[in-house]
């Protein structure tokens, strides 16, 4: 409800349901999540697993 109230429903054309699904499957809602990718030597960070490269 808070995200919707703040105007994030439809942000960049993406529904809140899709943002929540992404956060769930990428990090299980863990804002401190990190995952190292040995193939590229990069690391993914945070709730949306944003890549270091």
N, C-alpha and C. Protein backbone atom coordinates (compact mmCIF):
# COMPACT_ATOMS: atom_id res chain seq x y z
N UNK A 1 0.81 -1.20 0.00
CA UNK A 1 0.00 0.00 0.00
C UNK A 1 0.86 1.26 0.00
N UNK A 2 1.94 1.20 0.73
CA UNK A 2 2.82 2.37 0.82
C UNK A 2 3.43 2.68 -0.54
N UNK A 3 3.90 1.66 -1.23
CA UNK A 3 4.49 1.90 -2.55
C UNK A 3 3.47 2.48 -3.52
N UNK A 4 2.26 1.98 -3.46
CA UNK A 4 1.20 2.50 -4.32
C UNK A 4 0.90 3.96 -3.97
N UNK A 5 0.81 4.25 -2.68
CA UNK A 5 0.53 5.61 -2.23
C UNK A 5 1.63 6.57 -2.67
N UNK A 6 2.86 6.08 -2.73
CA UNK A 6 3.98 6.92 -3.14
C UNK A 6 4.11 7.06 -4.66
N UNK A 7 3.19 6.44 -5.39
CA UNK A 7 3.17 6.60 -6.84
C UNK A 7 4.02 5.63 -7.62
N UNK A 8 4.40 4.51 -7.02
CA UNK A 8 5.27 3.58 -7.71
C UNK A 8 4.51 2.55 -8.55
N UNK A 9 3.21 2.50 -8.41
CA UNK A 9 2.42 1.59 -9.26
C UNK A 9 2.54 2.07 -10.70
N UNK A 10 3.06 1.24 -11.56
CA UNK A 10 3.24 1.61 -12.96
C UNK A 10 4.51 2.39 -13.24
N UNK A 11 5.40 2.53 -12.27
CA UNK A 11 6.66 3.24 -12.48
C UNK A 11 7.44 2.60 -13.62
N UNK A 12 7.84 3.41 -14.57
CA UNK A 12 8.55 2.94 -15.77
C UNK A 12 7.76 1.86 -16.50
N UNK A 13 6.43 1.88 -16.35
CA UNK A 13 5.57 0.92 -17.03
C UNK A 13 5.53 -0.45 -16.38
N UNK A 14 6.07 -0.58 -15.17
CA UNK A 14 6.13 -1.88 -14.48
C UNK A 14 5.16 -1.86 -13.31
N UNK A 15 4.36 -2.91 -13.20
CA UNK A 15 3.38 -2.99 -12.11
C UNK A 15 4.06 -3.27 -10.78
N UNK A 16 3.38 -2.93 -9.70
CA UNK A 16 3.90 -3.24 -8.37
C UNK A 16 4.07 -4.74 -8.19
N UNK A 17 3.16 -5.51 -8.75
CA UNK A 17 3.26 -6.97 -8.66
C UNK A 17 4.57 -7.46 -9.27
N UNK A 18 4.96 -6.89 -10.40
CA UNK A 18 6.22 -7.30 -11.03
C UNK A 18 7.44 -6.88 -10.22
N UNK A 19 7.41 -5.67 -9.65
CA UNK A 19 8.52 -5.23 -8.80
C UNK A 19 8.66 -6.14 -7.58
N UNK A 20 7.53 -6.49 -6.97
CA UNK A 20 7.55 -7.36 -5.79
C UNK A 20 8.05 -8.76 -6.14
N UNK A 21 7.62 -9.27 -7.28
CA UNK A 21 8.06 -10.59 -7.73
C UNK A 21 9.58 -10.58 -7.96
N UNK A 22 10.07 -9.54 -8.60
CA UNK A 22 11.50 -9.41 -8.85
C UNK A 22 12.29 -9.40 -7.54
N UNK A 23 11.84 -8.59 -6.58
CA UNK A 23 12.52 -8.50 -5.29
C UNK A 23 12.50 -9.84 -4.55
N UNK A 24 11.39 -10.54 -4.64
CA UNK A 24 11.26 -11.84 -3.96
C UNK A 24 12.24 -12.86 -4.52
N UNK A 25 12.28 -12.99 -5.84
CA UNK A 25 13.09 -14.04 -6.46
C UNK A 25 14.56 -13.69 -6.56
N UNK A 26 14.90 -12.41 -6.63
CA UNK A 26 16.31 -12.02 -6.71
C UNK A 26 17.01 -12.05 -5.36
N UNK A 27 16.30 -11.62 -4.28
CA UNK A 27 16.97 -11.47 -2.99
C UNK A 27 16.17 -11.95 -1.80
N UNK A 28 14.96 -12.46 -2.04
CA UNK A 28 14.06 -12.83 -0.95
C UNK A 28 13.82 -11.63 -0.02
N UNK A 29 13.73 -10.45 -0.62
CA UNK A 29 13.49 -9.17 0.06
C UNK A 29 14.64 -8.75 0.99
N UNK A 30 15.81 -9.31 0.80
CA UNK A 30 16.97 -9.00 1.64
C UNK A 30 17.75 -7.85 1.03
N UNK A 31 17.70 -6.69 1.65
CA UNK A 31 18.40 -5.51 1.12
C UNK A 31 19.91 -5.63 1.21
N UNK A 32 20.41 -6.56 2.02
CA UNK A 32 21.86 -6.76 2.18
C UNK A 32 22.38 -7.93 1.36
N UNK A 33 21.56 -8.49 0.50
CA UNK A 33 21.97 -9.66 -0.30
C UNK A 33 23.11 -9.30 -1.25
N UNK A 34 24.08 -10.21 -1.35
CA UNK A 34 25.16 -10.10 -2.34
C UNK A 34 25.38 -11.47 -2.95
N UNK A 35 25.67 -11.50 -4.22
CA UNK A 35 25.95 -12.75 -4.93
C UNK A 35 27.10 -12.52 -5.89
N UNK A 36 28.16 -13.29 -5.71
CA UNK A 36 29.33 -13.20 -6.58
C UNK A 36 29.12 -14.06 -7.81
N UNK A 37 29.47 -13.53 -8.97
CA UNK A 37 29.36 -14.23 -10.25
C UNK A 37 30.76 -14.59 -10.73
N UNK A 38 31.21 -15.82 -10.49
CA UNK A 38 32.59 -16.19 -10.83
C UNK A 38 32.92 -16.08 -12.31
N UNK A 39 31.96 -16.31 -13.17
CA UNK A 39 32.21 -16.24 -14.61
C UNK A 39 32.65 -14.87 -15.08
N UNK A 40 32.02 -13.84 -14.52
CA UNK A 40 32.34 -12.47 -14.94
C UNK A 40 33.17 -11.72 -13.91
N UNK A 41 33.29 -12.29 -12.70
CA UNK A 41 34.02 -11.61 -11.64
C UNK A 41 33.27 -10.44 -11.04
N UNK A 42 32.00 -10.34 -11.33
CA UNK A 42 31.19 -9.24 -10.82
C UNK A 42 30.36 -9.71 -9.62
N UNK A 43 29.74 -8.75 -8.95
CA UNK A 43 28.90 -9.05 -7.79
C UNK A 43 27.57 -8.34 -7.96
N UNK A 44 26.50 -9.01 -7.53
CA UNK A 44 25.15 -8.44 -7.53
C UNK A 44 24.83 -8.00 -6.11
N UNK A 45 24.20 -6.82 -5.97
CA UNK A 45 23.95 -6.25 -4.65
C UNK A 45 22.49 -5.86 -4.46
N UNK A 46 22.01 -6.06 -3.23
CA UNK A 46 20.74 -5.51 -2.79
C UNK A 46 19.49 -6.26 -3.19
N UNK A 47 18.37 -5.64 -2.88
CA UNK A 47 17.07 -6.26 -3.07
C UNK A 47 16.78 -6.59 -4.53
N UNK A 48 17.31 -5.78 -5.46
CA UNK A 48 17.10 -6.04 -6.88
C UNK A 48 18.33 -6.65 -7.55
N UNK A 49 19.36 -6.96 -6.77
CA UNK A 49 20.58 -7.60 -7.26
C UNK A 49 21.19 -6.84 -8.45
N UNK A 50 21.49 -5.58 -8.21
CA UNK A 50 22.11 -4.72 -9.23
C UNK A 50 23.57 -5.10 -9.36
N UNK A 51 24.01 -5.31 -10.59
CA UNK A 51 25.35 -5.81 -10.88
C UNK A 51 26.39 -4.71 -10.74
N UNK A 52 27.59 -5.11 -10.29
CA UNK A 52 28.68 -4.17 -10.07
C UNK A 52 29.33 -3.67 -11.36
N UNK A 53 29.02 -4.32 -12.46
CA UNK A 53 29.62 -3.89 -13.72
C UNK A 53 28.59 -3.18 -14.49
